[in-house]
Amino acid sequence: MFVKVFSERLGVTLAKVSSYIFHPAFFLVYNLFLILCFRPHWFGVNSWHDKTMLLLLVTIYTIIIPFIAILMFRVLNAIKSIQMYDRHDRIFPLIIILVFYLWLWINLKHDPSVPKYWIWYLLSAVLSCVITLIANNWIKSSLHTTAIIATLSFWLWIRFLQSPGDSLVLKFDREGTVTYKLDYFLMWMFFVGGWIITGRLLIQAHRYNEIIIGIIIAIIAIIASHRIVF
């Protein structure tokens, strides 16, 4: 009995921690960093160190400013909780996030130093916010699910359409490189994705239908954004 209770509590704790680590707001920065490590030549550089200003800019406009805005909403009692358990609490934060995502996309889409591949991923985040806002009138979809499914779709596209081999060259510094099989990377991505979705159900943040809606939104957004960009 003790072991069962302990394992359940441990699972819930790990699910909550992973929900913070893999918060949807972080995925644009995470993926930008990964692409800079795996494909720095797409950005016309040899290492992610050469694009630290871009990473900082994206971090400010997709994480820091929206987080400050959400805190202000909470202080002003415009939302009940920063966790946004109620779907009505999501309206103002999603609008703020959409505004900054859209601003970032408009300013970067014609930048020759930013590849279309990442512009595509950025636009998918914009469209995800739009569709989620519309769906929010009827149901609270899982933003965590939308973020990880869009990310998995993006990397699967890179694996099967942009990588003739099964390896990527991972560059963490200017001096050396590490060859890492992309299939292993995708395996870890699927594991993380499965755990994120399971964790949202485990802590009862979402129901199954909200998870399914999150998956549908991600697929629609990633396909629509690809057609727009390419």
Protein backbone atom coordinates (compact mmCIF):
# COMPACT_ATOMS: atom_id res chain seq x y z
CA MET A 1 0.00 0.00 0.00
CA PHE A 2 2.81 2.37 0.95
CA VAL A 3 4.67 1.61 -2.28
CA LYS A 4 1.55 2.28 -4.34
CA VAL A 5 0.86 5.62 -2.64
CA PHE A 6 4.52 6.63 -2.93
CA SER A 7 4.68 5.75 -6.63
CA GLU A 8 1.48 7.67 -7.33
CA ARG A 9 2.74 10.75 -5.52
CA LEU A 10 6.11 10.49 -7.23
CA GLY A 11 4.41 10.22 -10.62
CA VAL A 12 2.26 13.28 -9.93
CA THR A 13 5.29 15.26 -8.72
CA LEU A 14 7.33 14.33 -11.80
CA ALA A 15 4.36 15.20 -14.02
CA LYS A 16 4.07 18.64 -12.43
CA VAL A 17 7.82 19.30 -12.73
CA SER A 18 7.89 18.21 -16.38
CA SER A 19 4.86 20.44 -17.08
CA TYR A 20 6.97 23.41 -16.01
CA ILE A 21 10.16 22.30 -17.77
CA PHE A 22 8.29 21.60 -21.01
CA HIS A 23 5.88 24.51 -20.77
CA PRO A 24 4.47 25.43 -24.21
CA ALA A 25 5.96 28.94 -23.93
CA PHE A 26 9.48 27.44 -23.93
CA PHE A 27 9.20 25.42 -27.13
CA LEU A 28 10.07 28.20 -29.58
CA VAL A 29 13.34 28.84 -27.72
CA TYR A 30 14.07 25.13 -27.25
CA ASN A 31 13.60 24.42 -30.95
CA LEU A 32 15.54 27.46 -32.07
CA PHE A 33 18.47 26.32 -29.94
CA LEU A 34 18.24 22.74 -31.24
CA ILE A 35 18.11 23.87 -34.87
CA LEU A 36 21.09 26.17 -34.27
CA CYS A 37 22.99 23.22 -32.80
CA PHE A 38 22.01 20.70 -35.49
CA ARG A 39 21.76 22.96 -38.54
CA PRO A 40 23.74 26.19 -37.87
CA HIS A 41 24.45 26.58 -41.61
CA TRP A 42 20.73 27.21 -42.15
CA PHE A 43 21.35 30.49 -40.31
CA GLY A 44 24.61 31.16 -42.13
CA VAL A 45 26.78 30.55 -39.05
CA ASN A 46 29.07 27.82 -37.76
CA SER A 47 27.82 27.63 -34.18
CA TRP A 48 24.83 28.61 -32.06
CA HIS A 49 27.12 31.06 -30.24
CA ASP A 50 26.95 33.29 -33.31
CA LYS A 51 23.18 33.66 -32.88
CA THR A 52 22.95 34.38 -29.16
CA MET A 53 21.25 37.72 -29.85
CA LEU A 54 18.52 35.96 -31.82
CA LEU A 55 18.06 33.47 -28.99
CA LEU A 56 17.85 36.36 -26.51
CA LEU A 57 15.34 38.23 -28.67
CA VAL A 58 13.08 35.18 -29.01
CA THR A 59 13.35 34.49 -25.27
CA ILE A 60 12.31 38.05 -24.41
CA TYR A 61 9.33 38.17 -26.76
CA THR A 62 8.01 34.63 -26.27
CA ILE A 63 8.73 33.98 -22.59
CA ILE A 64 9.72 36.99 -20.48
CA ILE A 65 7.25 39.64 -21.68
CA PRO A 66 4.23 37.27 -21.86
CA PHE A 67 5.09 35.95 -18.36
CA ILE A 68 5.21 39.49 -16.97
CA ALA A 69 1.87 40.24 -18.65
CA ILE A 70 0.27 37.12 -17.17
CA LEU A 71 1.56 38.08 -13.71
CA MET A 72 -0.01 41.52 -14.15
CA PHE A 73 -3.32 39.92 -15.11
CA ARG A 74 -3.16 37.83 -11.95
CA VAL A 75 -2.33 40.84 -9.75
CA LEU A 76 -5.25 42.75 -11.27
CA ASN A 77 -7.50 39.69 -10.76
CA ALA A 78 -8.18 39.50 -14.50
CA ILE A 79 -7.43 35.78 -14.20
CA LYS A 80 -8.00 33.45 -11.26
CA SER A 81 -4.66 31.63 -11.50
CA ILE A 82 -1.48 31.77 -13.57
CA GLN A 83 -2.04 28.04 -14.13
CA MET A 84 -5.16 29.01 -16.13
CA TYR A 85 -7.19 25.97 -15.12
CA ASP A 86 -10.37 27.70 -16.28
CA ARG A 87 -10.65 28.14 -20.04
CA HIS A 88 -11.90 31.71 -19.54
CA ASP A 89 -8.60 32.55 -17.82
CA ARG A 90 -6.82 31.72 -21.06
CA ILE A 91 -8.37 34.43 -23.19
CA PHE A 92 -6.23 37.44 -22.22
CA PRO A 93 -2.93 35.50 -21.89
CA LEU A 94 -3.46 33.83 -25.27
CA ILE A 95 -4.15 37.20 -26.89
CA ILE A 96 -0.94 38.64 -25.39
CA ILE A 97 1.08 35.62 -26.51
CA LEU A 98 -0.48 35.78 -29.98
CA VAL A 99 0.40 39.48 -30.34
CA PHE A 100 4.09 38.89 -29.56
CA TYR A 101 4.32 35.70 -31.63
CA LEU A 102 2.76 37.53 -34.56
CA TRP A 103 5.06 40.54 -34.08
CA LEU A 104 8.08 38.23 -34.05
CA TRP A 105 6.93 36.42 -37.18
CA ILE A 106 6.25 39.65 -39.10
CA ASN A 107 9.70 41.01 -38.24
CA LEU A 108 11.65 37.82 -38.96
CA LYS A 109 9.87 36.32 -41.96
CA HIS A 110 11.83 38.44 -44.45
CA ASP A 111 15.13 38.29 -42.55
CA PRO A 112 17.63 36.50 -44.86
CA SER A 113 19.62 35.27 -41.85
CA VAL A 114 16.63 33.31 -40.51
CA PRO A 115 15.77 30.14 -42.48
CA LYS A 116 12.28 29.47 -43.73
CA TYR A 117 12.26 26.24 -41.77
CA TRP A 118 12.19 28.06 -38.44
CA ILE A 119 9.83 30.72 -39.81
CA TRP A 120 7.51 27.82 -40.61
CA TYR A 121 7.71 26.55 -37.04
CA LEU A 122 7.17 30.08 -35.69
CA LEU A 123 4.09 30.57 -37.89
CA SER A 124 2.71 27.23 -36.69
CA ALA A 125 2.89 28.63 -33.13
CA VAL A 126 0.98 31.72 -34.28
CA LEU A 127 -1.72 29.65 -35.96
CA SER A 128 -1.91 27.33 -32.94
CA CYS A 129 -2.71 30.35 -30.74
CA VAL A 130 -5.39 31.52 -33.18
CA ILE A 131 -7.07 28.11 -33.44
CA THR A 132 -6.81 27.56 -29.68
CA LEU A 133 -8.47 30.91 -29.04
CA ILE A 134 -11.33 29.98 -31.34
CA ALA A 135 -11.69 26.50 -29.84
CA ASN A 136 -11.54 28.00 -26.35
CA ASN A 137 -15.13 29.18 -26.80
CA TRP A 138 -16.23 25.57 -26.44
CA ILE A 139 -13.37 23.53 -24.95
CA LYS A 140 -10.07 23.95 -23.10
CA SER A 141 -7.55 22.23 -25.35
CA SER A 142 -4.17 21.03 -24.12
CA LEU A 143 -1.50 23.58 -25.04
CA HIS A 144 1.26 21.20 -23.88
CA THR A 145 -0.03 18.59 -26.32
CA THR A 146 -0.24 21.09 -29.18
CA ALA A 147 3.34 22.25 -28.57
CA ILE A 148 4.91 18.79 -28.42
CA ILE A 149 2.94 17.38 -31.39
CA ALA A 150 3.87 20.38 -33.56
CA THR A 151 7.50 19.94 -32.50
CA LEU A 152 7.48 16.21 -33.27
CA SER A 153 5.90 16.89 -36.67
CA PHE A 154 8.60 19.46 -37.42
CA TRP A 155 11.49 17.13 -36.54
CA LEU A 156 9.94 14.20 -38.36
CA TRP A 157 9.79 16.41 -41.45
CA ILE A 158 13.50 17.22 -41.02
CA ARG A 159 14.33 13.55 -40.54
CA PHE A 160 12.51 12.16 -43.58
CA LEU A 161 12.63 15.08 -46.03
CA GLN A 162 15.74 17.05 -45.14
CA SER A 163 18.19 14.46 -43.80
CA PRO A 164 19.23 11.85 -46.38
CA GLY A 165 21.26 10.02 -43.72
CA ASP A 166 20.29 9.08 -40.22
CA SER A 167 22.70 11.34 -38.39
CA LEU A 168 22.92 15.00 -37.48
CA VAL A 169 26.08 16.86 -36.58
CA LEU A 170 25.55 18.43 -33.18
CA LYS A 171 27.70 21.52 -32.59
CA PHE A 172 27.75 22.76 -28.99
CA ASP A 173 30.92 24.81 -29.37
CA ARG A 174 33.13 26.38 -32.01
CA GLU A 175 35.96 23.88 -31.65
CA GLY A 176 34.38 20.47 -32.01
CA THR A 177 31.34 18.56 -33.17
CA VAL A 178 29.48 15.49 -31.99
CA THR A 179 27.76 13.13 -34.41
CA TYR A 180 24.42 12.09 -32.99
CA LYS A 181 21.93 9.84 -34.71
CA LEU A 182 18.73 11.71 -35.48
CA ASP A 183 16.72 8.52 -34.94
CA TYR A 184 17.92 8.45 -31.31
CA PHE A 185 16.99 12.10 -30.93
CA LEU A 186 13.50 11.41 -32.29
CA MET A 187 13.19 8.42 -29.96
CA TRP A 188 13.82 10.71 -26.99
CA MET A 189 11.41 13.26 -28.42
CA PHE A 190 8.65 10.63 -28.61
CA PHE A 191 9.41 9.55 -25.05
CA VAL A 192 9.22 13.14 -23.81
CA GLY A 193 6.06 13.76 -25.79
CA GLY A 194 4.38 10.67 -24.43
CA TRP A 195 5.34 11.58 -20.89
CA ILE A 196 4.12 15.18 -21.25
CA ILE A 197 0.71 14.05 -22.49
CA THR A 198 0.48 11.30 -19.85
CA GLY A 199 1.51 13.80 -17.18
CA ARG A 200 -1.27 16.21 -18.12
CA LEU A 201 -3.76 13.39 -17.66
CA LEU A 202 -2.07 12.17 -14.48
CA ILE A 203 -2.37 15.52 -12.70
CA GLN A 204 -5.90 15.86 -14.10
CA ALA A 205 -5.09 19.10 -15.91
CA HIS A 206 -6.93 17.80 -18.99
CA ARG A 207 -9.36 15.16 -20.12
CA TYR A 208 -8.87 12.84 -23.09
CA ASN A 209 -11.00 14.95 -25.44
CA GLU A 210 -8.90 18.04 -24.61
CA ILE A 211 -5.74 16.09 -25.45
CA ILE A 212 -7.24 15.01 -28.78
CA ILE A 213 -8.22 18.60 -29.60
CA GLY A 214 -4.65 19.67 -28.83
CA ILE A 215 -3.32 17.08 -31.28
CA ILE A 216 -5.75 18.19 -34.00
CA ILE A 217 -4.82 21.86 -33.52
CA ALA A 218 -1.11 21.04 -33.83
CA ILE A 219 -1.59 19.07 -37.05
CA ILE A 220 -3.78 21.76 -38.63
CA ALA A 221 -1.35 24.53 -37.63
CA ILE A 222 1.81 22.75 -38.84
CA ILE A 223 0.26 21.84 -42.23
CA ALA A 224 -1.34 25.25 -42.80
CA SER A 225 1.83 27.13 -41.86
CA HIS A 226 3.91 24.96 -44.20
CA ARG A 227 1.61 25.81 -47.10
CA ILE A 228 1.87 29.53 -46.29
CA VAL A 229 5.65 29.66 -45.90
CA PHE A 230 6.62 27.31 -48.72
